[in-house]
Every structure is written in structure tokens, then in C-alpha cells.
Amino acid sequence: MYGKSKFKIFAKGVFFLVMAAIFVFVLGSVVMFLWNALLPDIIGAKEITFWQAVGLFILSRILFGGFRMGGGRRKRKWKNKKKAFWKEKMMGMDDGEKERLKAKWKSYCDKKE
């Protein structure tokens, strides 16, 4: 396959599985530790097992965060493009145009409040 030996492909697969298992173990242990250390004393909740902690983590990611590990790179990239666009646009304006634009945005923002 594309010049890679079968052993390298197998080794990468095994490495991925081992890292995934370590990842699940660490996250489950952290969630279990924090739950069992805090919530029984604070609100009287029952202690949970490791697998309940893993399930709780997965449920919380589904409900609140999704499983994107990149941290929204596309969003940051878009923000940087937008900033560059406005910076370039402002550099091309003379002082009167800048003041009119600022006044227009100030009146727009004041209407929203």
C-alpha cells in the first residue's frame, strides 16, 4: 500500500489502539476521582464506578461539547481573515471616512442596547 510495509501499518494501528485505551483510562479515572471526591460530600450523590465515569464523560461531551479535538481551528482562521479584511479596509480610508464609519457603528450598537 503506497510503499509502506504491512508491519508499519500494523504498528501504527496497535499504537493508536494503545493510545486510545490510555486516553479512555486516564479520562475515566479523572472523572471518577473528581466525582467521588467532591459530589458525595457536597450534594450527597452516590459514588460511581470507572465505567459509569466513562459513560458520564461521553454523555457530557455529547450534550455540551461534541468531540472536536481541534478547538475550532476553522473559526479562528475565519476570525483572522475577518480582522485582516477590516484592518486593510481601515488603512485605505481617510480620517473623515473612519470617523463616519465609527459613528455609524456606534449608533448601530446603541440601538441594540
Protein backbone atom coordinates (compact mmCIF):
# COMPACT_ATOMS: atom_id res chain seq x y z
CA MET A 1 0.00 0.00 0.00
CA TYR A 2 1.67 3.15 -1.24
CA GLY A 3 5.16 1.90 -0.43
CA LYS A 4 4.50 1.21 3.28
CA SER A 5 5.21 -2.19 4.66
CA LYS A 6 2.42 -4.12 6.31
CA PHE A 7 4.37 -4.09 9.56
CA LYS A 8 4.42 -0.27 9.71
CA ILE A 9 0.68 -0.13 9.11
CA PHE A 10 0.11 -2.79 11.78
CA ALA A 11 2.42 -0.97 14.23
CA LYS A 12 0.57 2.31 13.70
CA GLY A 13 -2.75 0.55 14.30
CA VAL A 14 -1.50 -1.05 17.52
CA PHE A 15 -0.04 2.27 18.67
CA PHE A 16 -3.38 4.01 18.00
CA LEU A 17 -5.30 1.36 19.97
CA VAL A 18 -2.89 1.54 22.91
CA MET A 19 -3.06 5.34 22.99
CA ALA A 20 -6.87 5.26 22.77
CA ALA A 21 -7.00 2.81 25.69
CA ILE A 22 -4.68 5.02 27.76
CA PHE A 23 -6.78 8.07 26.86
CA VAL A 24 -10.02 6.36 27.98
CA PHE A 25 -8.38 5.08 31.18
CA VAL A 26 -6.97 8.48 32.16
CA LEU A 27 -10.17 10.42 31.41
CA GLY A 28 -12.37 7.86 33.15
CA SER A 29 -10.11 7.85 36.18
CA VAL A 30 -10.06 11.65 36.40
CA VAL A 31 -13.85 11.92 36.11
CA MET A 32 -14.34 9.13 38.67
CA PHE A 33 -11.86 10.69 41.10
CA LEU A 34 -13.37 14.16 40.86
CA TRP A 35 -16.94 12.87 41.17
CA ASN A 36 -16.16 10.64 44.14
CA ALA A 37 -14.03 13.29 45.86
CA LEU A 38 -16.49 16.15 45.51
CA LEU A 39 -20.12 15.26 44.93
CA PRO A 40 -20.83 12.77 47.75
CA ASP A 41 -19.78 15.40 50.31
CA ILE A 42 -21.39 18.37 48.56
CA ILE A 43 -24.78 17.04 47.47
CA GLY A 44 -24.87 13.51 48.86
CA ALA A 45 -24.56 11.77 45.46
CA LYS A 46 -23.55 8.11 45.31
CA GLU A 47 -20.00 7.20 44.34
CA ILE A 48 -19.58 5.97 40.78
CA THR A 49 -17.53 3.23 39.16
CA PHE A 50 -14.93 3.63 36.44
CA TRP A 51 -17.31 2.64 33.63
CA GLN A 52 -20.01 4.97 34.94
CA ALA A 53 -17.42 7.76 34.85
CA VAL A 54 -16.51 6.94 31.24
CA GLY A 55 -20.21 6.96 30.33
CA LEU A 56 -20.72 10.25 32.14
CA PHE A 57 -17.80 11.79 30.26
CA ILE A 58 -19.16 10.60 26.90
CA LEU A 59 -22.64 11.86 27.76
CA SER A 60 -21.32 15.28 28.80
CA ARG A 61 -19.30 15.59 25.58
CA ILE A 62 -22.36 14.71 23.52
CA LEU A 63 -24.63 17.15 25.35
CA PHE A 64 -22.27 20.06 25.87
CA GLY A 65 -19.13 19.92 23.77
CA GLY A 66 -19.12 17.47 20.93
CA PHE A 67 -15.99 15.52 20.10
CA ARG A 68 -14.00 18.14 18.18
CA MET A 69 -10.43 17.94 19.39
CA GLY A 70 -9.08 20.71 17.16
CA GLY A 71 -10.53 23.51 19.25
CA GLY A 72 -12.29 25.20 16.35
CA ARG A 73 -9.35 25.98 14.10
CA ARG A 74 -11.66 26.97 11.26
CA LYS A 75 -13.36 29.55 13.43
CA ARG A 76 -10.04 31.12 14.46
CA LYS A 77 -8.88 31.12 10.85
CA TRP A 78 -12.08 32.89 9.80
CA LYS A 79 -11.68 35.46 12.60
CA ASN A 80 -8.12 36.20 11.49
CA LYS A 81 -9.26 36.68 7.89
CA LYS A 82 -12.04 38.99 9.06
CA LYS A 83 -9.62 41.03 11.18
CA ALA A 84 -7.20 41.33 8.27
CA PHE A 85 -10.03 42.43 5.98
CA TRP A 86 -11.16 45.20 8.32
CA LYS A 87 -7.61 46.29 9.06
CA GLU A 88 -6.91 46.62 5.33
CA LYS A 89 -10.19 48.43 4.79
CA MET A 90 -9.44 50.91 7.61
CA MET A 91 -5.92 51.54 6.27
CA GLY A 92 -7.41 52.60 2.92
CA MET A 93 -9.76 55.21 4.47
CA ASP A 94 -9.01 58.80 5.19
CA ASP A 95 -9.77 60.30 8.62
CA GLY A 96 -13.24 61.58 7.66
CA GLU A 97 -14.34 58.18 6.39
CA LYS A 98 -13.03 56.50 9.54
CA GLU A 99 -14.98 58.88 11.77
CA ARG A 100 -18.20 58.37 9.76
CA LEU A 101 -17.79 54.56 9.99
CA LYS A 102 -17.14 54.74 13.74
CA ALA A 103 -20.20 56.98 14.25
CA LYS A 104 -22.34 54.62 12.17
CA TRP A 105 -21.24 51.59 14.21
CA LYS A 106 -21.69 53.48 17.49
CA SER A 107 -25.27 54.40 16.58
CA TYR A 108 -25.92 50.82 15.47
CA CYS A 109 -24.58 49.43 18.76
CA ASP A 110 -26.53 51.98 20.83
CA LYS A 111 -29.79 50.88 19.15
CA LYS A 112 -29.22 47.28 20.24
CA GLU A 113 -28.93 48.18 23.94
